[in-house]
Amino acid sequence: MLVLLRQPRWVGLAAVTVAMCVLFWWLGTWQWGRHIERSARNNAIVAAVSDDPAPLTSVVPDPSTLSDEAVYRSADYSAGTRCVVVRQ
């Protein structure tokens, strides 16, 4: 029986099996890392959207920069009857 397992075909099959196990383990840890990052981003979005709207000048004091806290934050803007929102 052991003579059969020493044939090159069986040794190659065992090597491929071990390589596939290592590959699947690595892909699993990679996918878990993506899940953790996405969960953190989704929690930040939910927290920012659930807050009450704040005045735009307090959310974005400097229009040339946007802080991480201001992303997905609701803001009130009232400056007359017309409002133009530009997305870049």
N, C-alpha and C. Protein backbone atom coordinates (compact mmCIF):
# COMPACT_ATOMS: atom_id res chain seq x y z
N MET A 1 0.81 -1.19 0.00
CA MET A 1 0.00 0.00 0.00
C MET A 1 0.86 1.26 0.00
N LEU A 2 1.95 1.26 0.81
CA LEU A 2 2.82 2.43 0.84
C LEU A 2 3.56 2.61 -0.47
N VAL A 3 3.80 1.55 -1.19
CA VAL A 3 4.47 1.67 -2.48
C VAL A 3 3.58 2.46 -3.44
N LEU A 4 2.29 2.25 -3.38
CA LEU A 4 1.34 2.98 -4.23
C LEU A 4 1.38 4.47 -3.93
N LEU A 5 1.49 4.85 -2.65
CA LEU A 5 1.48 6.26 -2.27
C LEU A 5 2.79 6.97 -2.61
N ARG A 6 3.85 6.21 -2.89
CA ARG A 6 5.14 6.82 -3.24
C ARG A 6 5.26 7.10 -4.72
N GLN A 7 4.29 6.75 -5.49
CA GLN A 7 4.35 7.01 -6.93
C GLN A 7 4.26 8.52 -7.18
N PRO A 8 4.91 8.99 -8.22
CA PRO A 8 4.94 10.45 -8.49
C PRO A 8 3.54 11.07 -8.60
N ARG A 9 2.59 10.35 -9.13
CA ARG A 9 1.24 10.89 -9.28
C ARG A 9 0.64 11.21 -7.90
N TRP A 10 0.80 10.32 -6.93
CA TRP A 10 0.25 10.52 -5.60
C TRP A 10 1.01 11.60 -4.83
N VAL A 11 2.32 11.64 -5.01
CA VAL A 11 3.12 12.69 -4.36
C VAL A 11 2.71 14.06 -4.91
N GLY A 12 2.53 14.14 -6.23
CA GLY A 12 2.09 15.39 -6.85
C GLY A 12 0.70 15.80 -6.38
N LEU A 13 -0.19 14.83 -6.27
CA LEU A 13 -1.54 15.11 -5.79
C LEU A 13 -1.51 15.63 -4.35
N ALA A 14 -0.67 15.05 -3.51
CA ALA A 14 -0.54 15.50 -2.12
C ALA A 14 0.02 16.92 -2.08
N ALA A 15 1.01 17.22 -2.94
CA ALA A 15 1.59 18.56 -2.97
C ALA A 15 0.56 19.59 -3.45
N VAL A 16 -0.22 19.26 -4.45
CA VAL A 16 -1.25 20.17 -4.94
C VAL A 16 -2.31 20.39 -3.86
N THR A 17 -2.65 19.35 -3.14
CA THR A 17 -3.65 19.47 -2.07
C THR A 17 -3.16 20.40 -0.97
N VAL A 18 -1.92 20.25 -0.57
CA VAL A 18 -1.36 21.12 0.47
C VAL A 18 -1.29 22.56 -0.05
N ALA A 19 -0.88 22.76 -1.29
CA ALA A 19 -0.81 24.10 -1.87
C ALA A 19 -2.20 24.75 -1.93
N MET A 20 -3.21 23.98 -2.30
CA MET A 20 -4.57 24.53 -2.36
C MET A 20 -5.07 24.88 -0.96
N CYS A 21 -4.74 24.08 0.03
CA CYS A 21 -5.13 24.39 1.41
C CYS A 21 -4.51 25.70 1.87
N VAL A 22 -3.24 25.90 1.57
CA VAL A 22 -2.56 27.14 1.94
C VAL A 22 -3.18 28.32 1.19
N LEU A 23 -3.45 28.15 -0.09
CA LEU A 23 -4.06 29.21 -0.89
C LEU A 23 -5.44 29.59 -0.34
N PHE A 24 -6.26 28.62 -0.03
CA PHE A 24 -7.59 28.91 0.49
C PHE A 24 -7.52 29.56 1.87
N TRP A 25 -6.57 29.16 2.70
CA TRP A 25 -6.40 29.81 3.99
C TRP A 25 -6.03 31.28 3.81
N TRP A 26 -5.09 31.56 2.88
CA TRP A 26 -4.68 32.94 2.63
C TRP A 26 -5.84 33.75 2.08
N LEU A 27 -6.61 33.20 1.15
CA LEU A 27 -7.76 33.92 0.60
C LEU A 27 -8.81 34.18 1.68
N GLY A 28 -8.97 33.26 2.61
CA GLY A 28 -9.92 33.46 3.69
C GLY A 28 -9.52 34.61 4.61
N THR A 29 -8.24 34.70 4.95
CA THR A 29 -7.78 35.81 5.79
C THR A 29 -7.88 37.13 5.05
N TRP A 30 -7.62 37.12 3.76
CA TRP A 30 -7.75 38.34 2.94
C TRP A 30 -9.21 38.79 2.93
N GLN A 31 -10.13 37.86 2.71
CA GLN A 31 -11.54 38.21 2.68
C GLN A 31 -12.01 38.71 4.05
N TRP A 32 -11.53 38.14 5.13
CA TRP A 32 -11.90 38.58 6.47
C TRP A 32 -11.41 40.01 6.71
N GLY A 33 -10.20 40.32 6.24
CA GLY A 33 -9.69 41.69 6.37
C GLY A 33 -10.54 42.69 5.62
N ARG A 34 -10.99 42.32 4.44
CA ARG A 34 -11.89 43.19 3.67
C ARG A 34 -13.20 43.40 4.42
N HIS A 35 -13.70 42.35 5.05
CA HIS A 35 -14.95 42.46 5.81
C HIS A 35 -14.79 43.43 6.98
N ILE A 36 -13.69 43.35 7.68
CA ILE A 36 -13.45 44.24 8.82
C ILE A 36 -13.39 45.69 8.36
N GLU A 37 -12.67 45.95 7.26
CA GLU A 37 -12.57 47.32 6.75
C GLU A 37 -13.93 47.84 6.30
N ARG A 38 -14.68 47.02 5.59
CA ARG A 38 -15.99 47.44 5.10
C ARG A 38 -16.96 47.67 6.25
N SER A 39 -16.91 46.84 7.28
CA SER A 39 -17.79 47.03 8.44
C SER A 39 -17.48 48.34 9.14
N ALA A 40 -16.22 48.66 9.29
CA ALA A 40 -15.84 49.92 9.93
C ALA A 40 -16.33 51.12 9.11
N ARG A 41 -16.17 51.04 7.79
CA ARG A 41 -16.63 52.13 6.92
C ARG A 41 -18.15 52.26 6.97
N ASN A 42 -18.86 51.14 6.94
CA ASN A 42 -20.32 51.18 7.01
C ASN A 42 -20.81 51.74 8.34
N ASN A 43 -20.15 51.38 9.43
CA ASN A 43 -20.53 51.92 10.74
C ASN A 43 -20.31 53.43 10.79
N ALA A 44 -19.23 53.92 10.18
CA ALA A 44 -18.98 55.36 10.15
C ALA A 44 -20.04 56.08 9.33
N ILE A 45 -20.46 55.48 8.22
CA ILE A 45 -21.51 56.09 7.39
C ILE A 45 -22.83 56.13 8.14
N VAL A 46 -23.19 55.04 8.80
CA VAL A 46 -24.45 55.00 9.55
C VAL A 46 -24.43 56.04 10.66
N ALA A 47 -23.30 56.17 11.35
CA ALA A 47 -23.21 57.15 12.44
C ALA A 47 -23.32 58.57 11.90
N ALA A 48 -22.70 58.85 10.76
CA ALA A 48 -22.74 60.20 10.19
C ALA A 48 -24.12 60.54 9.65
N VAL A 49 -24.79 59.58 9.05
CA VAL A 49 -26.11 59.84 8.47
C VAL A 49 -27.17 59.96 9.56
N SER A 50 -27.00 59.25 10.66
CA SER A 50 -28.02 59.28 11.71
C SER A 50 -27.96 60.55 12.56
N ASP A 51 -26.87 61.30 12.50
CA ASP A 51 -26.79 62.56 13.25
C ASP A 51 -27.75 63.59 12.66
N ASP A 52 -28.20 64.50 13.49
CA ASP A 52 -29.05 65.59 13.01
C ASP A 52 -28.23 66.51 12.12
N PRO A 53 -28.87 67.12 11.12
CA PRO A 53 -28.14 68.05 10.25
C PRO A 53 -27.59 69.24 11.04
N ALA A 54 -26.40 69.63 10.69
CA ALA A 54 -25.74 70.77 11.32
C ALA A 54 -25.57 71.86 10.27
N PRO A 55 -25.33 73.10 10.68
CA PRO A 55 -25.06 74.15 9.71
C PRO A 55 -23.84 73.81 8.86
N LEU A 56 -23.92 74.14 7.59
CA LEU A 56 -22.84 73.77 6.66
C LEU A 56 -21.51 74.39 7.07
N THR A 57 -21.54 75.59 7.59
CA THR A 57 -20.28 76.24 7.97
C THR A 57 -19.60 75.55 9.14
N SER A 58 -20.36 74.85 9.98
CA SER A 58 -19.73 74.12 11.08
C SER A 58 -19.24 72.74 10.63
N VAL A 59 -19.88 72.18 9.61
CA VAL A 59 -19.45 70.87 9.10
C VAL A 59 -18.21 71.02 8.24
N VAL A 60 -18.22 72.02 7.35
CA VAL A 60 -17.10 72.26 6.44
C VAL A 60 -16.65 73.71 6.59
N PRO A 61 -15.80 74.00 7.57
CA PRO A 61 -15.37 75.38 7.76
C PRO A 61 -14.49 75.89 6.61
N ASP A 62 -13.69 75.02 6.03
CA ASP A 62 -12.82 75.41 4.91
C ASP A 62 -13.23 74.60 3.69
N PRO A 63 -13.84 75.25 2.68
CA PRO A 63 -14.33 74.49 1.52
C PRO A 63 -13.24 73.82 0.68
N SER A 64 -12.00 74.22 0.83
CA SER A 64 -10.94 73.60 0.03
C SER A 64 -10.52 72.24 0.56
N THR A 65 -10.82 71.97 1.83
CA THR A 65 -10.48 70.67 2.41
C THR A 65 -11.73 70.06 3.03
N LEU A 66 -11.75 68.75 3.08
CA LEU A 66 -12.88 68.04 3.68
C LEU A 66 -12.32 67.03 4.67
N SER A 67 -12.69 67.20 5.93
CA SER A 67 -12.18 66.30 6.96
C SER A 67 -12.92 64.97 6.90
N ASP A 68 -12.35 63.96 7.54
CA ASP A 68 -12.98 62.64 7.58
C ASP A 68 -14.31 62.68 8.32
N GLU A 69 -14.44 63.56 9.32
CA GLU A 69 -15.68 63.65 10.07
C GLU A 69 -16.81 64.24 9.23
N ALA A 70 -16.47 65.02 8.21
CA ALA A 70 -17.48 65.68 7.39
C ALA A 70 -18.02 64.77 6.29
N VAL A 71 -17.35 63.69 6.01
CA VAL A 71 -17.80 62.80 4.95
C VAL A 71 -19.09 62.13 5.39
N TYR A 72 -20.09 62.15 4.52
CA TYR A 72 -21.42 61.59 4.75
C TYR A 72 -22.19 62.29 5.87
N ARG A 73 -21.74 63.45 6.29
CA ARG A 73 -22.43 64.19 7.36
C ARG A 73 -23.53 65.03 6.75
N SER A 74 -24.70 65.02 7.36
CA SER A 74 -25.81 65.85 6.89
C SER A 74 -25.57 67.30 7.32
N ALA A 75 -25.88 68.22 6.41
CA ALA A 75 -25.66 69.64 6.71
C ALA A 75 -26.82 70.45 6.14
N ASP A 76 -27.14 71.53 6.83
CA ASP A 76 -28.17 72.47 6.37
C ASP A 76 -27.48 73.62 5.66
N TYR A 77 -28.08 74.02 4.54
CA TYR A 77 -27.59 75.17 3.81
C TYR A 77 -28.80 75.98 3.39
N SER A 78 -28.88 77.19 3.85
CA SER A 78 -29.99 78.05 3.43
C SER A 78 -29.42 79.43 3.15
N ALA A 79 -29.48 79.79 1.89
CA ALA A 79 -28.96 81.11 1.47
C ALA A 79 -29.85 81.67 0.39
N GLY A 80 -31.11 81.70 0.63
CA GLY A 80 -32.03 82.24 -0.37
C GLY A 80 -32.84 81.16 -1.02
N THR A 81 -33.29 81.44 -2.23
CA THR A 81 -34.21 80.51 -2.89
C THR A 81 -33.51 79.52 -3.79
N ARG A 82 -32.28 79.77 -4.16
CA ARG A 82 -31.58 78.88 -5.09
C ARG A 82 -30.36 78.27 -4.43
N CYS A 83 -30.11 77.04 -4.78
CA CYS A 83 -28.96 76.34 -4.24
C CYS A 83 -28.37 75.48 -5.33
N VAL A 84 -27.08 75.58 -5.54
CA VAL A 84 -26.39 74.77 -6.53
C VAL A 84 -25.41 73.89 -5.80
N VAL A 85 -25.51 72.59 -6.04
CA VAL A 85 -24.60 71.63 -5.42
C VAL A 85 -23.72 71.05 -6.51
N VAL A 86 -22.43 71.20 -6.35
CA VAL A 86 -21.49 70.69 -7.35
C VAL A 86 -20.76 69.50 -6.76
N ARG A 87 -20.80 68.38 -7.45
CA ARG A 87 -20.10 67.18 -7.02
C ARG A 87 -18.88 66.98 -7.89
N GLN A 88 -17.78 66.68 -7.26
CA GLN A 88 -16.55 66.48 -8.04
C GLN A 88 -16.13 65.06 -7.96
